[in-house]
Every structure is written in C-alpha cells, then in structure tokens.
C-alpha cells in the first residue's frame, strides 16, 4: 500500500494498469520519498517479447497509468529492466527494488531465484 499525497493506493492497482499496456509483460511498483507528496511511485517494468525500448516509452507508460487510474496515481518514473527479482516461488521482491532505488542494504537475499 502506498500513501501518495494522503491517498492510499494499492501497488497491485498501479501494476495492473501498467501490465494493461501492450508493451509491458510484468510490472512492480514501490514507494519512494517525495518532497511534495510525501511518497511517490517508482515503477519497474519488463517488456513483452519483440517490444523495444523507445525514447517515448517511459512517458507513454506514465500517461497510460494516469489515464487508467487518475492523476494521483501517476508514477514519478518508470524503469525498464531485463527481469524483476523474484523468490523461488515466483513472488516479486519489492524490498530489493526499494533498497536498490534508495541505495540501502537489501538484507537477506537467500530466497531469491537464481
């Protein structure tokens, strides 16, 4: 759950909006400190097979989420990654994404898939 400018937004809602875009295969979002809103949204996406990163893709994905969920759920940024960190059971490890984004220690990573 994210708290953006006093609005509670579920990570699954933003991730679903991103995955509804034809270029996105998987998505994960985290909350990052924001000086104005308190907490902002940072998204991480993998692309579907055959889709390429274009200069306009980040802006297009941000506008897509804005259209699907409204202006309050607009991500601060979108990073296109090769793969998302997952446990052996297939769950996305958001705390690792958050630690990397904030430059902090990720802690125990023994449950990550190889």
C-alpha atoms as a PDB file:
ATOM      1  CA  UNK A   1       0.000   0.000   0.000  1.00  0.00           C
ATOM      2  CA  UNK A   2       1.319   3.424  -0.981  1.00  0.00           C
ATOM      3  CA  UNK A   3       0.360   6.735   0.623  1.00  0.00           C
ATOM      4  CA  UNK A   4       0.616   9.358  -2.120  1.00  0.00           C
ATOM      5  CA  UNK A   5      -0.406  12.858  -1.032  1.00  0.00           C
ATOM      6  CA  UNK A   6      -2.749  11.389   1.574  1.00  0.00           C
ATOM      7  CA  UNK A   7      -4.342   8.920  -0.868  1.00  0.00           C
ATOM      8  CA  UNK A   8      -3.897   5.214  -0.235  1.00  0.00           C
ATOM      9  CA  UNK A   9      -3.093   3.430  -3.478  1.00  0.00           C
ATOM     10  CA  UNK A  10      -2.523  -0.299  -3.791  1.00  0.00           C
ATOM     11  CA  UNK A  11       0.608  -1.443  -5.583  1.00  0.00           C
ATOM     12  CA  UNK A  12      -1.465  -4.066  -7.413  1.00  0.00           C
ATOM     13  CA  UNK A  13      -3.694  -1.342  -8.912  1.00  0.00           C
ATOM     14  CA  UNK A  14      -0.757   0.533 -10.426  1.00  0.00           C
ATOM     15  CA  UNK A  15       0.917  -2.693 -11.556  1.00  0.00           C
ATOM     16  CA  UNK A  16      -2.298  -3.859 -13.246  1.00  0.00           C
ATOM     17  CA  UNK A  17      -2.587  -0.545 -15.078  1.00  0.00           C
ATOM     18  CA  UNK A  18       0.997  -0.890 -16.328  1.00  0.00           C
ATOM     19  CA  UNK A  19       0.509  -4.504 -17.445  1.00  0.00           C
ATOM     20  CA  UNK A  20      -2.598  -3.475 -19.393  1.00  0.00           C
ATOM     21  CA  UNK A  21      -0.276  -1.550 -21.742  1.00  0.00           C
ATOM     22  CA  UNK A  22       0.542  -3.698 -24.815  1.00  0.00           C
ATOM     23  CA  UNK A  23       4.323  -3.363 -24.372  1.00  0.00           C
ATOM     24  CA  UNK A  24       4.532  -4.421 -20.698  1.00  0.00           C
ATOM     25  CA  UNK A  25       4.898  -8.058 -19.622  1.00  0.00           C
ATOM     26  CA  UNK A  26       5.453  -7.601 -15.867  1.00  0.00           C
ATOM     27  CA  UNK A  27       5.487  -4.643 -13.508  1.00  0.00           C
ATOM     28  CA  UNK A  28       6.337  -3.835  -9.898  1.00  0.00           C
ATOM     29  CA  UNK A  29       5.947  -0.530  -8.078  1.00  0.00           C
ATOM     30  CA  UNK A  30       7.456   0.832  -4.894  1.00  0.00           C
ATOM     31  CA  UNK A  31       7.023   3.953  -2.832  1.00  0.00           C
ATOM     32  CA  UNK A  32       9.910   6.423  -2.804  1.00  0.00           C
ATOM     33  CA  UNK A  33      10.291   9.600  -0.743  1.00  0.00           C
ATOM     34  CA  UNK A  34       8.858  12.682  -2.470  1.00  0.00           C
ATOM     35  CA  UNK A  35       9.321  16.202  -1.068  1.00  0.00           C
ATOM     36  CA  UNK A  36       5.856  17.357  -2.166  1.00  0.00           C
ATOM     37  CA  UNK A  37       3.627  14.261  -1.952  1.00  0.00           C
ATOM     38  CA  UNK A  38       5.374  12.504   0.925  1.00  0.00           C
ATOM     39  CA  UNK A  39       5.623   9.295  -1.086  1.00  0.00           C
ATOM     40  CA  UNK A  40       5.911   8.945  -4.839  1.00  0.00           C
ATOM     41  CA  UNK A  41       5.535   5.945  -7.120  1.00  0.00           C
ATOM     42  CA  UNK A  42       8.507   4.360  -8.887  1.00  0.00           C
ATOM     43  CA  UNK A  43       7.670   1.642 -11.417  1.00  0.00           C
ATOM     44  CA  UNK A  44       9.803  -1.173 -12.797  1.00  0.00           C
ATOM     45  CA  UNK A  45       8.664  -2.980 -15.955  1.00  0.00           C
ATOM     46  CA  UNK A  46       9.769  -5.805 -18.199  1.00  0.00           C
ATOM     47  CA  UNK A  47       8.750  -5.717 -21.841  1.00  0.00           C
ATOM     48  CA  UNK A  48       6.918  -8.352 -23.863  1.00  0.00           C
ATOM     49  CA  UNK A  49       8.889 -10.387 -26.377  1.00  0.00           C
ATOM     50  CA  UNK A  50       9.561  -8.395 -29.521  1.00  0.00           C
ATOM     51  CA  UNK A  51       8.942  -4.986 -27.891  1.00  0.00           C
ATOM     52  CA  UNK A  52      11.807  -2.488 -27.851  1.00  0.00           C
ATOM     53  CA  UNK A  53      12.613   0.409 -25.543  1.00  0.00           C
ATOM     54  CA  UNK A  54      11.894   3.689 -27.323  1.00  0.00           C
ATOM     55  CA  UNK A  55      12.654   7.238 -26.184  1.00  0.00           C
ATOM     56  CA  UNK A  56       8.934   7.894 -25.675  1.00  0.00           C
ATOM     57  CA  UNK A  57       8.079   4.653 -23.838  1.00  0.00           C
ATOM     58  CA  UNK A  58       8.562   5.944 -20.268  1.00  0.00           C
ATOM     59  CA  UNK A  59       6.303   8.943 -20.898  1.00  0.00           C
ATOM     60  CA  UNK A  60       3.775   6.740 -22.662  1.00  0.00           C
ATOM     61  CA  UNK A  61       3.609   4.353 -19.691  1.00  0.00           C
ATOM     62  CA  UNK A  62       3.252   7.229 -17.211  1.00  0.00           C
ATOM     63  CA  UNK A  63       0.390   8.693 -19.249  1.00  0.00           C
ATOM     64  CA  UNK A  64      -1.211   5.248 -19.545  1.00  0.00           C
ATOM     65  CA  UNK A  65      -1.321   4.871 -15.741  1.00  0.00           C
ATOM     66  CA  UNK A  66      -2.585   8.442 -15.403  1.00  0.00           C
ATOM     67  CA  UNK A  67      -5.406   7.665 -17.848  1.00  0.00           C
ATOM     68  CA  UNK A  68      -6.283   4.327 -16.181  1.00  0.00           C
ATOM     69  CA  UNK A  69      -6.155   5.397 -12.511  1.00  0.00           C
ATOM     70  CA  UNK A  70      -6.161   9.190 -12.441  1.00  0.00           C
ATOM     71  CA  UNK A  71      -3.570  11.875 -11.789  1.00  0.00           C
ATOM     72  CA  UNK A  72      -2.917  10.918  -8.152  1.00  0.00           C
ATOM     73  CA  UNK A  73      -1.511   7.519  -9.216  1.00  0.00           C
ATOM     74  CA  UNK A  74       0.916   8.946 -11.785  1.00  0.00           C
ATOM     75  CA  UNK A  75       4.367   7.358 -11.336  1.00  0.00           C
ATOM     76  CA  UNK A  76       7.354   9.653 -10.774  1.00  0.00           C
ATOM     77  CA  UNK A  77       9.315   7.426 -13.129  1.00  0.00           C
ATOM     78  CA  UNK A  78       9.383   4.102 -14.944  1.00  0.00           C
ATOM     79  CA  UNK A  79      12.484   1.954 -15.283  1.00  0.00           C
ATOM     80  CA  UNK A  80      12.612  -0.737 -17.940  1.00  0.00           C
ATOM     81  CA  UNK A  81      14.517  -3.750 -16.597  1.00  0.00           C
ATOM     82  CA  UNK A  82      15.503  -7.111 -18.080  1.00  0.00           C
ATOM     83  CA  UNK A  83      13.867  -9.052 -15.252  1.00  0.00           C
ATOM     84  CA  UNK A  84      12.296  -8.438 -11.859  1.00  0.00           C
ATOM     85  CA  UNK A  85      13.810 -10.013  -8.734  1.00  0.00           C
ATOM     86  CA  UNK A  86      11.674 -12.947  -7.601  1.00  0.00           C
ATOM     87  CA  UNK A  87      11.653 -15.587  -4.905  1.00  0.00           C
ATOM     88  CA  UNK A  88      11.802 -19.248  -5.874  1.00  0.00           C
ATOM     89  CA  UNK A  89       8.006 -19.345  -5.577  1.00  0.00           C
ATOM     90  CA  UNK A  90       7.673 -16.508  -8.111  1.00  0.00           C
ATOM     91  CA  UNK A  91       6.805 -13.542  -5.887  1.00  0.00           C
ATOM     92  CA  UNK A  92       8.382 -10.205  -6.774  1.00  0.00           C
ATOM     93  CA  UNK A  93      10.815  -8.960  -4.109  1.00  0.00           C
ATOM     94  CA  UNK A  94       9.806  -5.299  -3.840  1.00  0.00           C
ATOM     95  CA  UNK A  95      12.061  -4.658  -0.846  1.00  0.00           C
ATOM     96  CA  UNK A  96      15.087  -5.384  -3.069  1.00  0.00           C
ATOM     97  CA  UNK A  97      13.825  -2.915  -5.684  1.00  0.00           C
ATOM     98  CA  UNK A  98      13.272  -0.313  -2.954  1.00  0.00           C
ATOM     99  CA  UNK A  99      16.716  -0.897  -1.423  1.00  0.00           C
ATOM    100  CA  UNK A 100      18.378  -0.509  -4.832  1.00  0.00           C
ATOM    101  CA  UNK A 101      16.380   2.626  -5.637  1.00  0.00           C
ATOM    102  CA  UNK A 102      17.247   4.248  -2.300  1.00  0.00           C
ATOM    103  CA  UNK A 103      20.838   2.976  -2.154  1.00  0.00           C
ATOM    104  CA  UNK A 104      20.276   0.942   1.012  1.00  0.00           C
ATOM    105  CA  UNK A 105      21.200  -2.570   2.125  1.00  0.00           C
ATOM    106  CA  UNK A 106      18.743  -5.156   0.779  1.00  0.00           C
ATOM    107  CA  UNK A 107      19.183  -7.545   3.694  1.00  0.00           C
ATOM    108  CA  UNK A 108      18.861 -11.337   3.384  1.00  0.00           C
ATOM    109  CA  UNK A 109      18.503 -12.397  -0.261  1.00  0.00           C
ATOM    110  CA  UNK A 110      18.736 -16.166   0.264  1.00  0.00           C
ATOM    111  CA  UNK A 111      15.189 -16.714  -1.046  1.00  0.00           C
ATOM    112  CA  UNK A 112      15.873 -15.152  -4.469  1.00  0.00           C
ATOM    113  CA  UNK A 113      15.654 -17.356  -7.513  1.00  0.00           C
ATOM    114  CA  UNK A 114      18.979 -17.846  -9.271  1.00  0.00           C
END
